[in-house]
Amino acid sequence: LTWRKIPGIDDEWLYKQFQLLSLHGQNKDALAK
């Protein structure tokens, strides 16, 4: 999934939401752990 710049929305915050949604809502992925 790609996205264009969304005014007022931080790209890193948005990417983090997809990480949470795709990994059980876990705030660290396996690599970070």
Full PDB file with SEQRES, HELIX, SHEET, SSBOND, CRYST1, ORIGX, SCALE, CONECT and MASTER records, all heavy atoms in Angstrom:
SEQRES   1 A   33  LEU THR TRP ARG LYS ILE PRO GLY ILE ASP ASP GLU TRP          
SEQRES   2 A   33  LEU TYR LYS GLN PHE GLN LEU LEU SER LEU HIS GLY GLN          
SEQRES   3 A   33  ASN LYS ASP ALA LEU ALA LYS                                  
HELIX    1 AA1 ASP A   11  SER A   22  1                                  12    
CRYST1    1.000    1.000    1.000  90.00  90.00  90.00 P 1           1          
ORIGX1      1.000000  0.000000  0.000000        0.00000                         
ORIGX2      0.000000  1.000000  0.000000        0.00000                         
ORIGX3      0.000000  0.000000  1.000000        0.00000                         
SCALE1      1.000000  0.000000  0.000000        0.00000                         
SCALE2      0.000000  1.000000  0.000000        0.00000                         
SCALE3      0.000000  0.000000  1.000000        0.00000                         
ATOM      1  N   LEU A   1       0.855  -1.185   0.000  1.00  0.00           N  
ATOM      2  CA  LEU A   1       0.000   0.000   0.000  1.00  0.00           C  
ATOM      3  C   LEU A   1       0.888   1.231   0.000  1.00  0.00           C  
ATOM      4  O   LEU A   1       1.820   1.336   0.802  1.00  0.00           O  
ATOM      5  CB  LEU A   1      -0.894   0.009   1.242  1.00  0.00           C  
ATOM      6  CG  LEU A   1      -1.932   1.135   1.309  1.00  0.00           C  
ATOM      7  CD1 LEU A   1      -3.119   0.807   0.394  1.00  0.00           C  
ATOM      8  CD2 LEU A   1      -2.420   1.338   2.743  1.00  0.00           C  
ATOM      9  N   THR A   2       0.617   2.151  -0.920  1.00  0.00           N  
ATOM     10  CA  THR A   2       1.316   3.437  -0.949  1.00  0.00           C  
ATOM     11  C   THR A   2       0.301   4.547  -0.707  1.00  0.00           C  
ATOM     12  O   THR A   2      -0.898   4.350  -0.874  1.00  0.00           O  
ATOM     13  CB  THR A   2       2.020   3.671  -2.299  1.00  0.00           C  
ATOM     14  OG1 THR A   2       1.042   3.662  -3.355  1.00  0.00           O  
ATOM     15  CG2 THR A   2       3.058   2.592  -2.569  1.00  0.00           C  
ATOM     16  N   TRP A   3       0.798   5.725  -0.348  1.00  0.00           N  
ATOM     17  CA  TRP A   3      -0.108   6.851  -0.137  1.00  0.00           C  
ATOM     18  C   TRP A   3       0.587   8.157  -0.476  1.00  0.00           C  
ATOM     19  O   TRP A   3       1.802   8.296  -0.376  1.00  0.00           O  
ATOM     20  CB  TRP A   3      -0.638   6.887   1.300  1.00  0.00           C  
ATOM     21  CG  TRP A   3       0.405   6.925   2.369  1.00  0.00           C  
ATOM     22  CD1 TRP A   3       0.991   8.025   2.941  1.00  0.00           C  
ATOM     23  CD2 TRP A   3       1.013   5.781   3.012  1.00  0.00           C  
ATOM     24  NE1 TRP A   3       1.905   7.645   3.891  1.00  0.00           N  
ATOM     25  CE2 TRP A   3       1.930   6.279   3.969  1.00  0.00           C  
ATOM     26  CE3 TRP A   3       0.845   4.399   2.886  1.00  0.00           C  
ATOM     27  CZ2 TRP A   3       2.695   5.430   4.763  1.00  0.00           C  
ATOM     28  CZ3 TRP A   3       1.610   3.554   3.685  1.00  0.00           C  
ATOM     29  CH2 TRP A   3       2.513   4.068   4.614  1.00  0.00           C  
ATOM     30  N   ARG A   4      -0.225   9.095  -0.925  1.00  0.00           N  
ATOM     31  CA  ARG A   4       0.261  10.448  -1.182  1.00  0.00           C  
ATOM     32  C   ARG A   4       0.330  11.212   0.141  1.00  0.00           C  
ATOM     33  O   ARG A   4      -0.216  10.782   1.150  1.00  0.00           O  
ATOM     34  CB  ARG A   4      -0.672  11.176  -2.158  1.00  0.00           C  
ATOM     35  CG  ARG A   4      -0.791  10.493  -3.502  1.00  0.00           C  
ATOM     36  CD  ARG A   4      -1.426  11.401  -4.539  1.00  0.00           C  
ATOM     37  NE  ARG A   4      -2.723  11.938  -4.134  1.00  0.00           N  
ATOM     38  CZ  ARG A   4      -3.439  12.784  -4.860  1.00  0.00           C  
ATOM     39  NH1 ARG A   4      -2.982  13.205  -6.022  1.00  0.00           N  
ATOM     40  NH2 ARG A   4      -4.612  13.216  -4.433  1.00  0.00           N  
ATOM     41  N   LYS A   5       0.989  12.345   0.111  1.00  0.00           N  
ATOM     42  CA  LYS A   5       1.071  13.182   1.298  1.00  0.00           C  
ATOM     43  C   LYS A   5      -0.327  13.647   1.692  1.00  0.00           C  
ATOM     44  O   LYS A   5      -1.086  14.152   0.864  1.00  0.00           O  
ATOM     45  CB  LYS A   5       1.971  14.391   1.039  1.00  0.00           C  
ATOM     46  CG  LYS A   5       2.069  15.364   2.203  1.00  0.00           C  
ATOM     47  CD  LYS A   5       2.651  14.712   3.442  1.00  0.00           C  
ATOM     48  CE  LYS A   5       2.706  15.667   4.629  1.00  0.00           C  
ATOM     49  NZ  LYS A   5       3.097  14.983   5.883  1.00  0.00           N  
ATOM     50  N   ILE A   6      -0.657  13.458   2.974  1.00  0.00           N  
ATOM     51  CA  ILE A   6      -1.958  13.870   3.502  1.00  0.00           C  
ATOM     52  C   ILE A   6      -1.730  15.082   4.398  1.00  0.00           C  
ATOM     53  O   ILE A   6      -1.030  14.984   5.413  1.00  0.00           O  
ATOM     54  CB  ILE A   6      -2.612  12.739   4.312  1.00  0.00           C  
ATOM     55  CG1 ILE A   6      -2.693  11.460   3.474  1.00  0.00           C  
ATOM     56  CG2 ILE A   6      -3.999  13.167   4.795  1.00  0.00           C  
ATOM     57  CD1 ILE A   6      -3.055  10.236   4.281  1.00  0.00           C  
ATOM     58  N   PRO A   7      -2.274  16.236   4.037  1.00  0.00           N  
ATOM     59  CA  PRO A   7      -2.051  17.442   4.837  1.00  0.00           C  
ATOM     60  C   PRO A   7      -2.432  17.237   6.308  1.00  0.00           C  
ATOM     61  O   PRO A   7      -3.520  16.749   6.626  1.00  0.00           O  
ATOM     62  CB  PRO A   7      -2.983  18.474   4.177  1.00  0.00           C  
ATOM     63  CG  PRO A   7      -3.147  17.981   2.772  1.00  0.00           C  
ATOM     64  CD  PRO A   7      -3.138  16.493   2.868  1.00  0.00           C  
ATOM     65  N   GLY A   8      -1.488  17.555   7.193  1.00  0.00           N  
ATOM     66  CA  GLY A   8      -1.776  17.466   8.622  1.00  0.00           C  
ATOM     67  C   GLY A   8      -1.564  16.086   9.229  1.00  0.00           C  
ATOM     68  O   GLY A   8      -1.708  15.909  10.447  1.00  0.00           O  
ATOM     69  N   ILE A   9      -1.221  15.097   8.400  1.00  0.00           N  
ATOM     70  CA  ILE A   9      -1.001  13.732   8.894  1.00  0.00           C  
ATOM     71  C   ILE A   9       0.461  13.352   8.709  1.00  0.00           C  
ATOM     72  O   ILE A   9       1.002  13.440   7.614  1.00  0.00           O  
ATOM     73  CB  ILE A   9      -1.902  12.714   8.161  1.00  0.00           C  
ATOM     74  CG1 ILE A   9      -3.376  13.058   8.364  1.00  0.00           C  
ATOM     75  CG2 ILE A   9      -1.591  11.297   8.629  1.00  0.00           C  
ATOM     76  CD1 ILE A   9      -3.854  12.970   9.811  1.00  0.00           C  
ATOM     77  N   ASP A  10       1.092  12.947   9.795  1.00  0.00           N  
ATOM     78  CA  ASP A  10       2.504  12.565   9.767  1.00  0.00           C  
ATOM     79  C   ASP A  10       2.665  11.186   9.134  1.00  0.00           C  
ATOM     80  O   ASP A  10       1.994  10.223   9.534  1.00  0.00           O  
ATOM     81  CB  ASP A  10       3.046  12.554  11.198  1.00  0.00           C  
ATOM     82  CG  ASP A  10       4.511  12.153  11.248  1.00  0.00           C  
ATOM     83  OD1 ASP A  10       5.353  12.917  10.761  1.00  0.00           O  
ATOM     84  OD2 ASP A  10       4.784  11.040  11.747  1.00  0.00           O  
ATOM     85  N   ASP A  11       3.544  11.072   8.145  1.00  0.00           N  
ATOM     86  CA  ASP A  11       3.748   9.802   7.446  1.00  0.00           C  
ATOM     87  C   ASP A  11       4.196   8.691   8.395  1.00  0.00           C  
ATOM     88  O   ASP A  11       3.757   7.534   8.269  1.00  0.00           O  
ATOM     89  CB  ASP A  11       4.782   9.957   6.330  1.00  0.00           C  
ATOM     90  CG  ASP A  11       4.218  10.657   5.098  1.00  0.00           C  
ATOM     91  OD1 ASP A  11       3.094  10.329   4.689  1.00  0.00           O  
ATOM     92  OD2 ASP A  11       4.915  11.527   4.555  1.00  0.00           O  
ATOM     93  N   GLU A  12       5.083   9.020   9.337  1.00  0.00           N  
ATOM     94  CA  GLU A  12       5.571   8.000  10.260  1.00  0.00           C  
ATOM     95  C   GLU A  12       4.466   7.521  11.194  1.00  0.00           C  
ATOM     96  O   GLU A  12       4.392   6.335  11.539  1.00  0.00           O  
ATOM     97  CB  GLU A  12       6.766   8.531  11.051  1.00  0.00           C  
ATOM     98  CG  GLU A  12       8.010   8.747  10.209  1.00  0.00           C  
ATOM     99  CD  GLU A  12       8.463   7.475   9.504  1.00  0.00           C  
ATOM    100  OE1 GLU A  12       8.712   6.461  10.189  1.00  0.00           O  
ATOM    101  OE2 GLU A  12       8.546   7.488   8.261  1.00  0.00           O  
ATOM    102  N   TRP A  13       3.608   8.435  11.617  1.00  0.00           N  
ATOM    103  CA  TRP A  13       2.460   8.040  12.440  1.00  0.00           C  
ATOM    104  C   TRP A  13       1.548   7.099  11.659  1.00  0.00           C  
ATOM    105  O   TRP A  13       1.097   6.079  12.190  1.00  0.00           O  
ATOM    106  CB  TRP A  13       1.676   9.276  12.878  1.00  0.00           C  
ATOM    107  CG  TRP A  13       0.408   8.934  13.612  1.00  0.00           C  
ATOM    108  CD1 TRP A  13       0.270   8.689  14.953  1.00  0.00           C  
ATOM    109  CD2 TRP A  13      -0.893   8.763  13.038  1.00  0.00           C  
ATOM    110  NE1 TRP A  13      -1.039   8.367  15.249  1.00  0.00           N  
ATOM    111  CE2 TRP A  13      -1.777   8.405  14.092  1.00  0.00           C  
ATOM    112  CE3 TRP A  13      -1.404   8.879  11.747  1.00  0.00           C  
ATOM    113  CZ2 TRP A  13      -3.142   8.166  13.878  1.00  0.00           C  
ATOM    114  CZ3 TRP A  13      -2.758   8.633  11.530  1.00  0.00           C  
ATOM    115  CH2 TRP A  13      -3.616   8.289  12.584  1.00  0.00           C  
ATOM    116  N   LEU A  14       1.324   7.435  10.392  1.00  0.00           N  
ATOM    117  CA  LEU A  14       0.449   6.620   9.555  1.00  0.00           C  
ATOM    118  C   LEU A  14       1.044   5.227   9.356  1.00  0.00           C  
ATOM    119  O   LEU A  14       0.346   4.208   9.467  1.00  0.00           O  
ATOM    120  CB  LEU A  14       0.222   7.313   8.212  1.00  0.00           C  
ATOM    121  CG  LEU A  14      -0.744   6.653   7.231  1.00  0.00           C  
ATOM    122  CD1 LEU A  14      -2.108   6.413   7.870  1.00  0.00           C  
ATOM    123  CD2 LEU A  14      -0.890   7.523   5.974  1.00  0.00           C  
ATOM    124  N   TYR A  15       2.338   5.181   9.074  1.00  0.00           N  
ATOM    125  CA  TYR A  15       3.018   3.897   8.899  1.00  0.00           C  
ATOM    126  C   TYR A  15       2.904   3.059  10.177  1.00  0.00           C  
ATOM    127  O   TYR A  15       2.669   1.844  10.113  1.00  0.00           O  
ATOM    128  CB  TYR A  15       4.487   4.142   8.557  1.00  0.00           C  
ATOM    129  CG  TYR A  15       5.303   2.884   8.348  1.00  0.00           C  
ATOM    130  CD1 TYR A  15       5.192   2.144   7.174  1.00  0.00           C  
ATOM    131  CD2 TYR A  15       6.201   2.445   9.325  1.00  0.00           C  
ATOM    132  CE1 TYR A  15       5.955   0.991   6.975  1.00  0.00           C  
ATOM    133  CE2 TYR A  15       6.968   1.296   9.135  1.00  0.00           C  
ATOM    134  CZ  TYR A  15       6.832   0.578   7.965  1.00  0.00           C  
ATOM    135  OH  TYR A  15       7.577  -0.558   7.773  1.00  0.00           O  
ATOM    136  N   LYS A  16       3.025   3.702  11.315  1.00  0.00           N  
ATOM    137  CA  LYS A  16       2.914   3.003  12.596  1.00  0.00           C  
ATOM    138  C   LYS A  16       1.530   2.389  12.765  1.00  0.00           C  
ATOM    139  O   LYS A  16       1.392   1.282  13.306  1.00  0.00           O  
ATOM    140  CB  LYS A  16       3.211   3.969  13.746  1.00  0.00           C  
ATOM    141  CG  LYS A  16       3.140   3.336  15.133  1.00  0.00           C  
ATOM    142  CD  LYS A  16       4.213   2.289  15.332  1.00  0.00           C  
ATOM    143  CE  LYS A  16       4.218   1.761  16.753  1.00  0.00           C  
ATOM    144  NZ  LYS A  16       5.239   0.703  16.956  1.00  0.00           N  
ATOM    145  N   GLN A  17       0.497   3.079  12.285  1.00  0.00           N  
ATOM    146  CA  GLN A  17      -0.865   2.532  12.395  1.00  0.00           C  
ATOM    147  C   GLN A  17      -0.989   1.235  11.605  1.00  0.00           C  
ATOM    148  O   GLN A  17      -1.629   0.274  12.049  1.00  0.00           O  
ATOM    149  CB  GLN A  17      -1.900   3.556  11.904  1.00  0.00           C  
ATOM    150  CG  GLN A  17      -1.873   4.894  12.618  1.00  0.00           C  
ATOM    151  CD  GLN A  17      -1.761   4.755  14.120  1.00  0.00           C  
ATOM    152  OE1 GLN A  17      -2.617   4.150  14.783  1.00  0.00           O  
ATOM    153  NE2 GLN A  17      -0.699   5.318  14.676  1.00  0.00           N  
ATOM    154  N   PHE A  18      -0.377   1.196  10.419  1.00  0.00           N  
ATOM    155  CA  PHE A  18      -0.420  -0.026   9.625  1.00  0.00           C  
ATOM    156  C   PHE A  18       0.373  -1.153  10.293  1.00  0.00           C  
ATOM    157  O   PHE A  18      -0.015  -2.328  10.214  1.00  0.00           O  
ATOM    158  CB  PHE A  18       0.097   0.231   8.210  1.00  0.00           C  
ATOM    159  CG  PHE A  18      -0.845   1.048   7.373  1.00  0.00           C  
ATOM    160  CD1 PHE A  18      -0.476   2.288   6.888  1.00  0.00           C  
ATOM    161  CD2 PHE A  18      -2.116   0.579   7.074  1.00  0.00           C  
ATOM    162  CE1 PHE A  18      -1.342   3.047   6.126  1.00  0.00           C  
ATOM    163  CE2 PHE A  18      -3.002   1.330   6.311  1.00  0.00           C  
ATOM    164  CZ  PHE A  18      -2.611   2.565   5.833  1.00  0.00           C  
ATOM    165  N   GLN A  19       1.479  -0.798  10.951  1.00  0.00           N  
ATOM    166  CA  GLN A  19       2.245  -1.803  11.677  1.00  0.00           C  
ATOM    167  C   GLN A  19       1.427  -2.394  12.823  1.00  0.00           C  
ATOM    168  O   GLN A  19       1.407  -3.617  13.036  1.00  0.00           O  
ATOM    169  CB  GLN A  19       3.540  -1.185  12.226  1.00  0.00           C  
ATOM    170  CG  GLN A  19       4.501  -0.690  11.165  1.00  0.00           C  
ATOM    171  CD  GLN A  19       4.967  -1.814  10.255  1.00  0.00           C  
ATOM    172  OE1 GLN A  19       5.692  -2.703  10.671  1.00  0.00           O  
ATOM    173  NE2 GLN A  19       4.543  -1.773   8.999  1.00  0.00           N  
ATOM    174  N   LEU A  20       0.736  -1.529  13.544  1.00  0.00           N  
ATOM    175  CA  LEU A  20      -0.102  -2.001  14.649  1.00  0.00           C  
ATOM    176  C   LEU A  20      -1.241  -2.884  14.139  1.00  0.00           C  
ATOM    177  O   LEU A  20      -1.505  -3.957  14.691  1.00  0.00           O  
ATOM    178  CB  LEU A  20      -0.672  -0.806  15.420  1.00  0.00           C  
ATOM    179  CG  LEU A  20       0.326   0.027  16.231  1.00  0.00           C  
ATOM    180  CD1 LEU A  20      -0.335   1.300  16.726  1.00  0.00           C  
ATOM    181  CD2 LEU A  20       0.872  -0.784  17.411  1.00  0.00           C  
ATOM    182  N   LEU A  21      -1.905  -2.430  13.100  1.00  0.00           N  
ATOM    183  CA  LEU A  21      -3.045  -3.171  12.568  1.00  0.00           C  
ATOM    184  C   LEU A  21      -2.651  -4.544  12.038  1.00  0.00           C  
ATOM    185  O   LEU A  21      -3.445  -5.492  12.106  1.00  0.00           O  
ATOM    186  CB  LEU A  21      -3.718  -2.362  11.453  1.00  0.00           C  
ATOM    187  CG  LEU A  21      -4.658  -1.241  11.899  1.00  0.00           C  
ATOM    188  CD1 LEU A  21      -4.899  -0.264  10.757  1.00  0.00           C  
ATOM    189  CD2 LEU A  21      -5.976  -1.813  12.406  1.00  0.00           C  
ATOM    190  N   SER A  22      -1.439  -4.653  11.527  1.00  0.00           N  
ATOM    191  CA  SER A  22      -1.020  -5.903  10.886  1.00  0.00           C  
ATOM    192  C   SER A  22      -0.274  -6.848  11.817  1.00  0.00           C  
ATOM    193  O   SER A  22       0.042  -7.972  11.444  1.00  0.00           O  
ATOM    194  CB  SER A  22      -0.138  -5.598   9.668  1.00  0.00           C  
ATOM    195  OG  SER A  22       1.068  -4.956  10.056  1.00  0.00           O  
ATOM    196  N   LEU A  23       0.009  -6.406  13.064  1.00  0.00           N  
ATOM    197  CA  LEU A  23       0.778  -7.232  14.009  1.00  0.00           C  
ATOM    198  C   LEU A  23       0.089  -7.304  15.369  1.00  0.00           C  
ATOM    199  O   LEU A  23       0.695  -7.048  16.408  1.00  0.00           O  
ATOM    200  CB  LEU A  23       2.198  -6.679  14.163  1.00  0.00           C  
ATOM    201  CG  LEU A  23       3.149  -6.951  12.991  1.00  0.00           C  
ATOM    202  CD1 LEU A  23       4.384  -6.082  13.087  1.00  0.00           C  
ATOM    203  CD2 LEU A  23       3.541  -8.433  12.959  1.00  0.00           C  
ATOM    204  N   HIS A  24      -1.206  -7.629  15.351  1.00  0.00           N  
ATOM    205  CA  HIS A  24      -1.965  -7.864  16.584  1.00  0.00           C  
ATOM    206  C   HIS A  24      -2.112  -6.634  17.475  1.00  0.00           C  
ATOM    207  O   HIS A  24      -2.490  -6.777  18.648  1.00  0.00           O  
ATOM    208  CB  HIS A  24      -1.314  -8.973  17.422  1.00  0.00           C  
ATOM    209  CG  HIS A  24      -1.366 -10.327  16.797  1.00  0.00           C  
ATOM    210  ND1 HIS A  24      -2.540 -10.950  16.441  1.00  0.00           N  
ATOM    211  CD2 HIS A  24      -0.372 -11.198  16.457  1.00  0.00           C  
ATOM    212  CE1 HIS A  24      -2.280 -12.142  15.932  1.00  0.00           C  
ATOM    213  NE2 HIS A  24      -0.970 -12.316  15.911  1.00  0.00           N  
ATOM    214  N   GLY A  25      -1.781  -5.445  16.966  1.00  0.00           N  
ATOM    215  CA  GLY A  25      -1.805  -4.273  17.838  1.00  0.00           C  
ATOM    216  C   GLY A  25      -0.602  -4.199  18.749  1.00  0.00           C  
ATOM    217  O   GLY A  25      -0.575  -3.416  19.710  1.00  0.00           O  
ATOM    218  N   GLN A  26       0.427  -4.980  18.443  1.00  0.00           N  
ATOM    219  CA  GLN A  26       1.655  -5.016  19.252  1.00  0.00           C  
ATOM    220  C   GLN A  26       2.539  -3.832  18.894  1.00  0.00           C  
ATOM    221  O   GLN A  26       2.789  -3.562  17.725  1.00  0.00           O  
ATOM    222  CB  GLN A  26       2.377  -6.331  18.981  1.00  0.00           C  
ATOM    223  CG  GLN A  26       3.607  -6.575  19.817  1.00  0.00           C  
ATOM    224  CD  GLN A  26       4.148  -7.974  19.601  1.00  0.00           C  
ATOM    225  OE1 GLN A  26       3.493  -8.962  19.918  1.00  0.00           O  
ATOM    226  NE2 GLN A  26       5.340  -8.062  19.029  1.00  0.00           N  
ATOM    227  N   ASN A  27       3.025  -3.128  19.901  1.00  0.00           N  
ATOM    228  CA  ASN A  27       3.764  -1.883  19.637  1.00  0.00           C  
ATOM    229  C   ASN A  27       5.242  -2.092  19.321  1.00  0.00           C  
ATOM    230  O   ASN A  27       5.980  -1.129  19.122  1.00  0.00           O  
ATOM    231  CB  ASN A  27       3.607  -0.900  20.798  1.00  0.00           C  
ATOM    232  CG  ASN A  27       4.305  -1.360  22.067  1.00  0.00           C  
ATOM    233  OD1 ASN A  27       4.683  -2.531  22.205  1.00  0.00           O  
ATOM    234  ND2 ASN A  27       4.472  -0.442  23.013  1.00  0.00           N  
ATOM    235  N   LYS A  28       5.694  -3.352  19.268  1.00  0.00           N  
ATOM    236  CA  LYS A  28       7.048  -3.670  18.817  1.00  0.00           C  
ATOM    237  C   LYS A  28       6.956  -4.857  17.869  1.00  0.00           C  
ATOM    238  O   LYS A  28       6.288  -5.848  18.180  1.00  0.00           O  
ATOM    239  CB  LYS A  28       7.961  -4.049  19.985  1.00  0.00           C  
ATOM    240  CG  LYS A  28       8.422  -2.894  20.855  1.00  0.00           C  
ATOM    241  CD  LYS A  28       9.401  -3.408  21.904  1.00  0.00           C  
ATOM    242  CE  LYS A  28       9.869  -2.290  22.813  1.00  0.00           C  
ATOM    243  NZ  LYS A  28      10.807  -2.790  23.858  1.00  0.00           N  
ATOM    244  N   ASP A  29       7.640  -4.757  16.731  1.00  0.00           N  
ATOM    245  CA  ASP A  29       7.664  -5.934  15.863  1.00  0.00           C  
ATOM    246  C   ASP A  29       8.744  -6.897  16.357  1.00  0.00           C  
ATOM    247  O   ASP A  29       9.500  -6.605  17.286  1.00  0.00           O  
ATOM    248  CB  ASP A  29       7.867  -5.555  14.396  1.00  0.00           C  
ATOM    249  CG  ASP A  29       9.199  -4.870  14.107  1.00  0.00           C  
ATOM    250  OD1 ASP A  29      10.148  -5.036  14.900  1.00  0.00           O  
ATOM    251  OD2 ASP A  29       9.292  -4.180  13.070  1.00  0.00           O  
ATOM    252  N   ALA A  30       8.802  -8.072  15.724  1.00  0.00           N  
ATOM    253  CA  ALA A  30       9.725  -9.114  16.190  1.00  0.00           C  
ATOM    254  C   ALA A  30      11.174  -8.657  16.133  1.00  0.00           C  
ATOM    255  O   ALA A  30      11.990  -9.014  16.999  1.00  0.00           O  
ATOM    256  CB  ALA A  30       9.531 -10.373  15.350  1.00  0.00           C  
ATOM    257  N   LEU A  31      11.521  -7.861  15.115  1.00  0.00           N  
ATOM    258  CA  LEU A  31      12.897  -7.398  14.976  1.00  0.00           C  
ATOM    259  C   LEU A  31      13.285  -6.483  16.124  1.00  0.00           C  
ATOM    260  O   LEU A  31      14.379  -6.590  16.698  1.00  0.00           O  
ATOM    261  CB  LEU A  31      13.069  -6.687  13.634  1.00  0.00           C  
ATOM    262  CG  LEU A  31      14.489  -6.289  13.245  1.00  0.00           C  
ATOM    263  CD1 LEU A  31      15.373  -7.524  13.106  1.00  0.00           C  
ATOM    264  CD2 LEU A  31      14.478  -5.509  11.926  1.00  0.00           C  
ATOM    265  N   ALA A  32      12.382  -5.572  16.496  1.00  0.00           N  
ATOM    266  CA  ALA A  32      12.666  -4.643  17.590  1.00  0.00           C  
ATOM    267  C   ALA A  32      12.826  -5.380  18.916  1.00  0.00           C  
ATOM    268  O   ALA A  32      13.640  -4.997  19.760  1.00  0.00           O  
ATOM    269  CB  ALA A  32      11.552  -3.610  17.697  1.00  0.00           C  
ATOM    270  N   LYS A  33      12.079  -6.466  19.084  1.00  0.00           N  
ATOM    271  CA  LYS A  33      12.138  -7.227  20.340  1.00  0.00           C  
ATOM    272  C   LYS A  33      13.433  -8.028  20.492  1.00  0.00           C  
ATOM    273  O   LYS A  33      13.729  -8.525  21.576  1.00  0.00           O  
ATOM    274  CB  LYS A  33      10.935  -8.176  20.433  1.00  0.00           C  
ATOM    275  CG  LYS A  33       9.622  -7.469  20.726  1.00  0.00           C  
ATOM    276  CD  LYS A  33       8.447  -8.411  20.510  1.00  0.00           C  
ATOM    277  CE  LYS A  33       8.534  -9.627  21.419  1.00  0.00           C  
ATOM    278  NZ  LYS A  33       7.426 -10.578  21.164  1.00  0.00           N  
TER     279      LYS A  33                                                      
MASTER        0    0    0    1    0    0    0    6  278    1    0    3          
END                                                                             
